[in-house]
Amino acid sequence: MELTKENIFFLNLDQRVKAAQGDLFSAAETAEFYANTDLIVCNPPYISSSKVKTMNPEIIEKEPVIALDG
């Protein structure tokens, strides 16, 4: 999340872009969100649990398991 906020600031988008983190839509369940949102970006886990254990260690070392294990 910190890197996302740094990138928003670096790209001078802090007046237009807001980052929120939560369990699916829990971070965005407000009237203000629904009135002002144009785009939602999501990066869900995408690898089956059985395949995570057999992945290249180089990948596992760089990503938290929760980011990969779907």
PDB file of N, CA and C in Angstrom:
ATOM      1  N   MET A   1       0.816  -1.189   0.000  1.00  0.00           N
ATOM      2  CA  MET A   1       0.000   0.000   0.000  1.00  0.00           C
ATOM      3  C   MET A   1       0.868   1.265   0.000  1.00  0.00           C
ATOM      4  N   GLU A   2       1.981   1.230   0.742  1.00  0.00           N
ATOM      5  CA  GLU A   2       2.851   2.404   0.796  1.00  0.00           C
ATOM      6  C   GLU A   2       3.425   2.727  -0.590  1.00  0.00           C
ATOM      7  N   LEU A   3       3.823   1.701  -1.335  1.00  0.00           N
ATOM      8  CA  LEU A   3       4.365   1.927  -2.674  1.00  0.00           C
ATOM      9  C   LEU A   3       3.295   2.534  -3.587  1.00  0.00           C
ATOM     10  N   THR A   4       2.084   2.077  -3.448  1.00  0.00           N
ATOM     11  CA  THR A   4       0.981   2.632  -4.232  1.00  0.00           C
ATOM     12  C   THR A   4       0.822   4.115  -3.941  1.00  0.00           C
ATOM     13  N   LYS A   5       0.826   4.476  -2.664  1.00  0.00           N
ATOM     14  CA  LYS A   5       0.687   5.887  -2.284  1.00  0.00           C
ATOM     15  C   LYS A   5       1.875   6.712  -2.782  1.00  0.00           C
ATOM     16  N   GLU A   6       3.077   6.153  -2.709  1.00  0.00           N
ATOM     17  CA  GLU A   6       4.261   6.857  -3.217  1.00  0.00           C
ATOM     18  C   GLU A   6       4.128   7.111  -4.719  1.00  0.00           C
ATOM     19  N   ASN A   7       3.659   6.120  -5.451  1.00  0.00           N
ATOM     20  CA  ASN A   7       3.490   6.275  -6.895  1.00  0.00           C
ATOM     21  C   ASN A   7       2.429   7.314  -7.236  1.00  0.00           C
ATOM     22  N   ILE A   8       1.344   7.329  -6.491  1.00  0.00           N
ATOM     23  CA  ILE A   8       0.297   8.333  -6.710  1.00  0.00           C
ATOM     24  C   ILE A   8       0.878   9.734  -6.531  1.00  0.00           C
ATOM     25  N   PHE A   9       1.634   9.923  -5.455  1.00  0.00           N
ATOM     26  CA  PHE A   9       2.253  11.219  -5.188  1.00  0.00           C
ATOM     27  C   PHE A   9       3.293  11.564  -6.256  1.00  0.00           C
ATOM     28  N   PHE A  10       4.145  10.583  -6.603  1.00  0.00           N
ATOM     29  CA  PHE A  10       5.201  10.789  -7.599  1.00  0.00           C
ATOM     30  C   PHE A  10       4.617  11.222  -8.944  1.00  0.00           C
ATOM     31  N   LEU A  11       3.490  10.649  -9.309  1.00  0.00           N
ATOM     32  CA  LEU A  11       2.844  10.967 -10.587  1.00  0.00           C
ATOM     33  C   LEU A  11       1.938  12.189 -10.497  1.00  0.00           C
ATOM     34  N   ASN A  12       1.975  12.862  -9.343  1.00  0.00           N
ATOM     35  CA  ASN A  12       1.185  14.068  -9.116  1.00  0.00           C
ATOM     36  C   ASN A  12      -0.318  13.821  -9.311  1.00  0.00           C
ATOM     37  N   LEU A  13      -0.776  12.669  -8.838  1.00  0.00           N
ATOM     38  CA  LEU A  13      -2.186  12.309  -8.958  1.00  0.00           C
ATOM     39  C   LEU A  13      -2.918  12.359  -7.625  1.00  0.00           C
ATOM     40  N   ASP A  14      -2.257  12.873  -6.597  1.00  0.00           N
ATOM     41  CA  ASP A  14      -2.835  12.823  -5.255  1.00  0.00           C
ATOM     42  C   ASP A  14      -4.126  13.622  -5.113  1.00  0.00           C
ATOM     43  N   GLN A  15      -4.429  14.531  -6.026  1.00  0.00           N
ATOM     44  CA  GLN A  15      -5.696  15.261  -5.985  1.00  0.00           C
ATOM     45  C   GLN A  15      -6.815  14.492  -6.703  1.00  0.00           C
ATOM     46  N   ARG A  16      -6.441  13.454  -7.466  1.00  0.00           N
ATOM     47  CA  ARG A  16      -7.424  12.718  -8.260  1.00  0.00           C
ATOM     48  C   ARG A  16      -7.571  11.255  -7.876  1.00  0.00           C
ATOM     49  N   VAL A  17      -6.530  10.683  -7.245  1.00  0.00           N
ATOM     50  CA  VAL A  17      -6.516   9.246  -6.967  1.00  0.00           C
ATOM     51  C   VAL A  17      -6.403   9.007  -5.471  1.00  0.00           C
ATOM     52  N   LYS A  18      -7.224   8.096  -4.979  1.00  0.00           N
ATOM     53  CA  LYS A  18      -7.161   7.712  -3.570  1.00  0.00           C
ATOM     54  C   LYS A  18      -7.003   6.193  -3.505  1.00  0.00           C
ATOM     55  N   ALA A  19      -6.068   5.722  -2.699  1.00  0.00           N
ATOM     56  CA  ALA A  19      -5.854   4.292  -2.536  1.00  0.00           C
ATOM     57  C   ALA A  19      -6.483   3.839  -1.228  1.00  0.00           C
ATOM     58  N   ALA A  20      -7.151   2.708  -1.267  1.00  0.00           N
ATOM     59  CA  ALA A  20      -7.751   2.122  -0.070  1.00  0.00           C
ATOM     60  C   ALA A  20      -7.487   0.628  -0.097  1.00  0.00           C
ATOM     61  N   GLN A  21      -7.300   0.062   1.074  1.00  0.00           N
ATOM     62  CA  GLN A  21      -7.019  -1.365   1.166  1.00  0.00           C
ATOM     63  C   GLN A  21      -8.049  -1.998   2.093  1.00  0.00           C
ATOM     64  N   GLY A  22      -8.566  -3.146   1.698  1.00  0.00           N
ATOM     65  CA  GLY A  22      -9.539  -3.813   2.546  1.00  0.00           C
ATOM     66  C   GLY A  22      -9.907  -5.174   2.004  1.00  0.00           C
ATOM     67  N   ASP A  23     -10.814  -5.818   2.680  1.00  0.00           N
ATOM     68  CA  ASP A  23     -11.310  -7.123   2.289  1.00  0.00           C
ATOM     69  C   ASP A  23     -12.409  -6.923   1.249  1.00  0.00           C
ATOM     70  N   LEU A  24     -12.057  -7.120   0.006  1.00  0.00           N
ATOM     71  CA  LEU A  24     -12.909  -6.875  -1.147  1.00  0.00           C
ATOM     72  C   LEU A  24     -13.390  -5.430  -1.137  1.00  0.00           C
ATOM     73  N   PHE A  25     -14.662  -5.147  -0.898  1.00  0.00           N
ATOM     74  CA  PHE A  25     -15.161  -3.774  -0.961  1.00  0.00           C
ATOM     75  C   PHE A  25     -15.333  -3.127   0.407  1.00  0.00           C
ATOM     76  N   SER A  26     -14.884  -3.767   1.473  1.00  0.00           N
ATOM     77  CA  SER A  26     -15.100  -3.216   2.816  1.00  0.00           C
ATOM     78  C   SER A  26     -14.461  -1.842   3.004  1.00  0.00           C
ATOM     79  N   ALA A  27     -13.359  -1.580   2.328  1.00  0.00           N
ATOM     80  CA  ALA A  27     -12.693  -0.279   2.464  1.00  0.00           C
ATOM     81  C   ALA A  27     -13.434   0.825   1.731  1.00  0.00           C
ATOM     82  N   ALA A  28     -14.420   0.445   0.945  1.00  0.00           N
ATOM     83  CA  ALA A  28     -15.083   1.433   0.097  1.00  0.00           C
ATOM     84  C   ALA A  28     -16.589   1.524   0.323  1.00  0.00           C
ATOM     85  N   GLU A  29     -17.085   1.018   1.392  1.00  0.00           N
ATOM     86  CA  GLU A  29     -18.531   1.004   1.617  1.00  0.00           C
ATOM     87  C   GLU A  29     -19.008   2.298   2.269  1.00  0.00           C
ATOM     88  N   THR A  30     -18.904   3.390   1.508  1.00  0.00           N
ATOM     89  CA  THR A  30     -19.380   4.682   1.979  1.00  0.00           C
ATOM     90  C   THR A  30     -20.142   5.363   0.853  1.00  0.00           C
ATOM     91  N   ALA A  31     -20.997   6.282   1.202  1.00  0.00           N
ATOM     92  CA  ALA A  31     -21.747   7.031   0.192  1.00  0.00           C
ATOM     93  C   ALA A  31     -20.795   7.847  -0.681  1.00  0.00           C
ATOM     94  N   GLU A  32     -19.753   8.413  -0.063  1.00  0.00           N
ATOM     95  CA  GLU A  32     -18.776   9.198  -0.827  1.00  0.00           C
ATOM     96  C   GLU A  32     -18.095   8.339  -1.889  1.00  0.00           C
ATOM     97  N   PHE A  33     -17.748   7.110  -1.518  1.00  0.00           N
ATOM     98  CA  PHE A  33     -17.121   6.203  -2.477  1.00  0.00           C
ATOM     99  C   PHE A  33     -18.035   5.956  -3.671  1.00  0.00           C
ATOM    100  N   TYR A  34     -19.269   5.601  -3.404  1.00  0.00           N
ATOM    101  CA  TYR A  34     -20.195   5.273  -4.493  1.00  0.00           C
ATOM    102  C   TYR A  34     -20.488   6.477  -5.379  1.00  0.00           C
ATOM    103  N   ALA A  35     -20.433   7.677  -4.815  1.00  0.00           N
ATOM    104  CA  ALA A  35     -20.722   8.880  -5.595  1.00  0.00           C
ATOM    105  C   ALA A  35     -19.528   9.338  -6.436  1.00  0.00           C
ATOM    106  N   ASN A  36     -18.326   8.916  -6.075  1.00  0.00           N
ATOM    107  CA  ASN A  36     -17.129   9.477  -6.707  1.00  0.00           C
ATOM    108  C   ASN A  36     -16.194   8.475  -7.360  1.00  0.00           C
ATOM    109  N   THR A  37     -16.558   7.219  -7.460  1.00  0.00           N
ATOM    110  CA  THR A  37     -15.644   6.200  -7.976  1.00  0.00           C
ATOM    111  C   THR A  37     -15.883   5.918  -9.455  1.00  0.00           C
ATOM    112  N   ASP A  38     -14.789   5.947 -10.209  1.00  0.00           N
ATOM    113  CA  ASP A  38     -14.853   5.634 -11.631  1.00  0.00           C
ATOM    114  C   ASP A  38     -14.194   4.297 -11.962  1.00  0.00           C
ATOM    115  N   LEU A  39     -13.249   3.869 -11.113  1.00  0.00           N
ATOM    116  CA  LEU A  39     -12.470   2.678 -11.426  1.00  0.00           C
ATOM    117  C   LEU A  39     -12.025   1.984 -10.149  1.00  0.00           C
ATOM    118  N   ILE A  40     -12.105   0.654 -10.152  1.00  0.00           N
ATOM    119  CA  ILE A  40     -11.587  -0.150  -9.043  1.00  0.00           C
ATOM    120  C   ILE A  40     -10.572  -1.114  -9.640  1.00  0.00           C
ATOM    121  N   VAL A  41      -9.391  -1.164  -9.033  1.00  0.00           N
ATOM    122  CA  VAL A  41      -8.345  -2.069  -9.481  1.00  0.00           C
ATOM    123  C   VAL A  41      -8.111  -3.083  -8.375  1.00  0.00           C
ATOM    124  N   CYS A  42      -8.003  -4.347  -8.749  1.00  0.00           N
ATOM    125  CA  CYS A  42      -7.854  -5.406  -7.765  1.00  0.00           C
ATOM    126  C   CYS A  42      -6.757  -6.365  -8.221  1.00  0.00           C
ATOM    127  N   ASN A  43      -5.985  -6.847  -7.261  1.00  0.00           N
ATOM    128  CA  ASN A  43      -4.939  -7.821  -7.557  1.00  0.00           C
ATOM    129  C   ASN A  43      -5.132  -9.023  -6.623  1.00  0.00           C
ATOM    130  N   PRO A  44      -6.134  -9.858  -6.925  1.00  0.00           N
ATOM    131  CA  PRO A  44      -6.422 -10.985  -6.030  1.00  0.00           C
ATOM    132  C   PRO A  44      -5.395 -12.117  -6.177  1.00  0.00           C
ATOM    133  N   PRO A  45      -5.335 -13.005  -5.195  1.00  0.00           N
ATOM    134  CA  PRO A  45      -4.488 -14.197  -5.340  1.00  0.00           C
ATOM    135  C   PRO A  45      -4.937 -14.973  -6.584  1.00  0.00           C
ATOM    136  N   TYR A  46      -3.995 -15.554  -7.304  1.00  0.00           N
ATOM    137  CA  TYR A  46      -4.360 -16.129  -8.597  1.00  0.00           C
ATOM    138  C   TYR A  46      -3.758 -17.500  -8.889  1.00  0.00           C
ATOM    139  N   ILE A  47      -3.083 -18.106  -7.922  1.00  0.00           N
ATOM    140  CA  ILE A  47      -2.463 -19.419  -8.146  1.00  0.00           C
ATOM    141  C   ILE A  47      -3.099 -20.423  -7.190  1.00  0.00           C
ATOM    142  N   SER A  48      -3.448 -21.594  -7.684  1.00  0.00           N
ATOM    143  CA  SER A  48      -4.084 -22.595  -6.826  1.00  0.00           C
ATOM    144  C   SER A  48      -3.129 -23.016  -5.704  1.00  0.00           C
ATOM    145  N   SER A  49      -3.690 -23.316  -4.557  1.00  0.00           N
ATOM    146  CA  SER A  49      -2.902 -23.667  -3.364  1.00  0.00           C
ATOM    147  C   SER A  49      -1.929 -24.809  -3.637  1.00  0.00           C
ATOM    148  N   SER A  50      -2.342 -25.788  -4.409  1.00  0.00           N
ATOM    149  CA  SER A  50      -1.470 -26.936  -4.677  1.00  0.00           C
ATOM    150  C   SER A  50      -0.250 -26.552  -5.514  1.00  0.00           C
ATOM    151  N   LYS A  51      -0.368 -25.540  -6.345  1.00  0.00           N
ATOM    152  CA  LYS A  51       0.754 -25.128  -7.194  1.00  0.00           C
ATOM    153  C   LYS A  51       1.722 -24.200  -6.470  1.00  0.00           C
ATOM    154  N   VAL A  52       1.252 -23.486  -5.456  1.00  0.00           N
ATOM    155  CA  VAL A  52       2.122 -22.550  -4.739  1.00  0.00           C
ATOM    156  C   VAL A  52       3.324 -23.279  -4.148  1.00  0.00           C
ATOM    157  N   LYS A  53       3.095 -24.467  -3.597  1.00  0.00           N
ATOM    158  CA  LYS A  53       4.167 -25.242  -2.952  1.00  0.00           C
ATOM    159  C   LYS A  53       5.251 -25.678  -3.933  1.00  0.00           C
ATOM    160  N   THR A  54       4.933 -25.729  -5.216  1.00  0.00           N
ATOM    161  CA  THR A  54       5.899 -26.205  -6.212  1.00  0.00           C
ATOM    162  C   THR A  54       6.482 -25.077  -7.062  1.00  0.00           C
ATOM    163  N   MET A  55       6.190 -23.850  -6.714  1.00  0.00           N
ATOM    164  CA  MET A  55       6.661 -22.710  -7.504  1.00  0.00           C
ATOM    165  C   MET A  55       8.156 -22.471  -7.328  1.00  0.00           C
ATOM    166  N   ASN A  56       8.725 -21.808  -8.292  1.00  0.00           N
ATOM    167  CA  ASN A  56      10.125 -21.429  -8.258  1.00  0.00           C
ATOM    168  C   ASN A  56      10.392 -20.601  -7.003  1.00  0.00           C
ATOM    169  N   PRO A  57      11.403 -20.966  -6.209  1.00  0.00           N
ATOM    170  CA  PRO A  57      11.716 -20.227  -4.974  1.00  0.00           C
ATOM    171  C   PRO A  57      11.962 -18.738  -5.214  1.00  0.00           C
ATOM    172  N   GLU A  58      12.462 -18.386  -6.380  1.00  0.00           N
ATOM    173  CA  GLU A  58      12.711 -16.978  -6.695  1.00  0.00           C
ATOM    174  C   GLU A  58      11.410 -16.160  -6.639  1.00  0.00           C
ATOM    175  N   ILE A  59      10.318 -16.757  -7.046  1.00  0.00           N
ATOM    176  CA  ILE A  59       9.022 -16.070  -7.002  1.00  0.00           C
ATOM    177  C   ILE A  59       8.508 -16.012  -5.570  1.00  0.00           C
ATOM    178  N   ILE A  60       8.550 -17.122  -4.877  1.00  0.00           N
ATOM    179  CA  ILE A  60       8.052 -17.197  -3.504  1.00  0.00           C
ATOM    180  C   ILE A  60       8.796 -16.236  -2.581  1.00  0.00           C
ATOM    181  N   GLU A  61      10.086 -16.060  -2.808  1.00  0.00           N
ATOM    182  CA  GLU A  61      10.893 -15.178  -1.955  1.00  0.00           C
ATOM    183  C   GLU A  61      10.542 -13.706  -2.138  1.00  0.00           C
ATOM    184  N   LYS A  62       9.978 -13.346  -3.277  1.00  0.00           N
ATOM    185  CA  LYS A  62       9.696 -11.945  -3.577  1.00  0.00           C
ATOM    186  C   LYS A  62       8.243 -11.541  -3.297  1.00  0.00           C
ATOM    187  N   GLU A  63       7.370 -12.478  -3.125  1.00  0.00           N
ATOM    188  CA  GLU A  63       5.956 -12.186  -2.894  1.00  0.00           C
ATOM    189  C   GLU A  63       5.476 -12.885  -1.643  1.00  0.00           C
ATOM    190  N   PRO A  64       4.634 -12.223  -0.857  1.00  0.00           N
ATOM    191  CA  PRO A  64       4.050 -12.939   0.291  1.00  0.00           C
ATOM    192  C   PRO A  64       3.102 -14.028  -0.237  1.00  0.00           C
ATOM    193  N   VAL A  65       3.062 -15.156   0.428  1.00  0.00           N
ATOM    194  CA  VAL A  65       2.232 -16.281  -0.026  1.00  0.00           C
ATOM    195  C   VAL A  65       0.774 -15.848  -0.164  1.00  0.00           C
ATOM    196  N   ILE A  66       0.293 -14.992   0.713  1.00  0.00           N
ATOM    197  CA  ILE A  66      -1.109 -14.552   0.658  1.00  0.00           C
ATOM    198  C   ILE A  66      -1.420 -13.819  -0.654  1.00  0.00           C
ATOM    199  N   ALA A  67      -0.406 -13.239  -1.280  1.00  0.00           N
ATOM    200  CA  ALA A  67      -0.620 -12.534  -2.559  1.00  0.00           C
ATOM    201  C   ALA A  67      -0.754 -13.507  -3.724  1.00  0.00           C
ATOM    202  N   LEU A  68      -0.275 -14.728  -3.557  1.00  0.00           N
ATOM    203  CA  LEU A  68      -0.282 -15.700  -4.636  1.00  0.00           C
ATOM    204  C   LEU A  68      -1.347 -16.785  -4.467  1.00  0.00           C
ATOM    205  N   ASP A  69      -1.530 -17.238  -3.257  1.00  0.00           N
ATOM    206  CA  ASP A  69      -2.356 -18.421  -2.976  1.00  0.00           C
ATOM    207  C   ASP A  69      -3.848 -18.100  -3.083  1.00  0.00           C
ATOM    208  N   GLY A  70      -4.446 -18.577  -4.179  1.00  0.00           N
ATOM    209  CA  GLY A  70      -5.862 -18.328  -4.401  1.00  0.00           C
ATOM    210  C   GLY A  70      -6.718 -19.392  -3.835  1.00  0.00           C
TER     211      GLY A  70
END
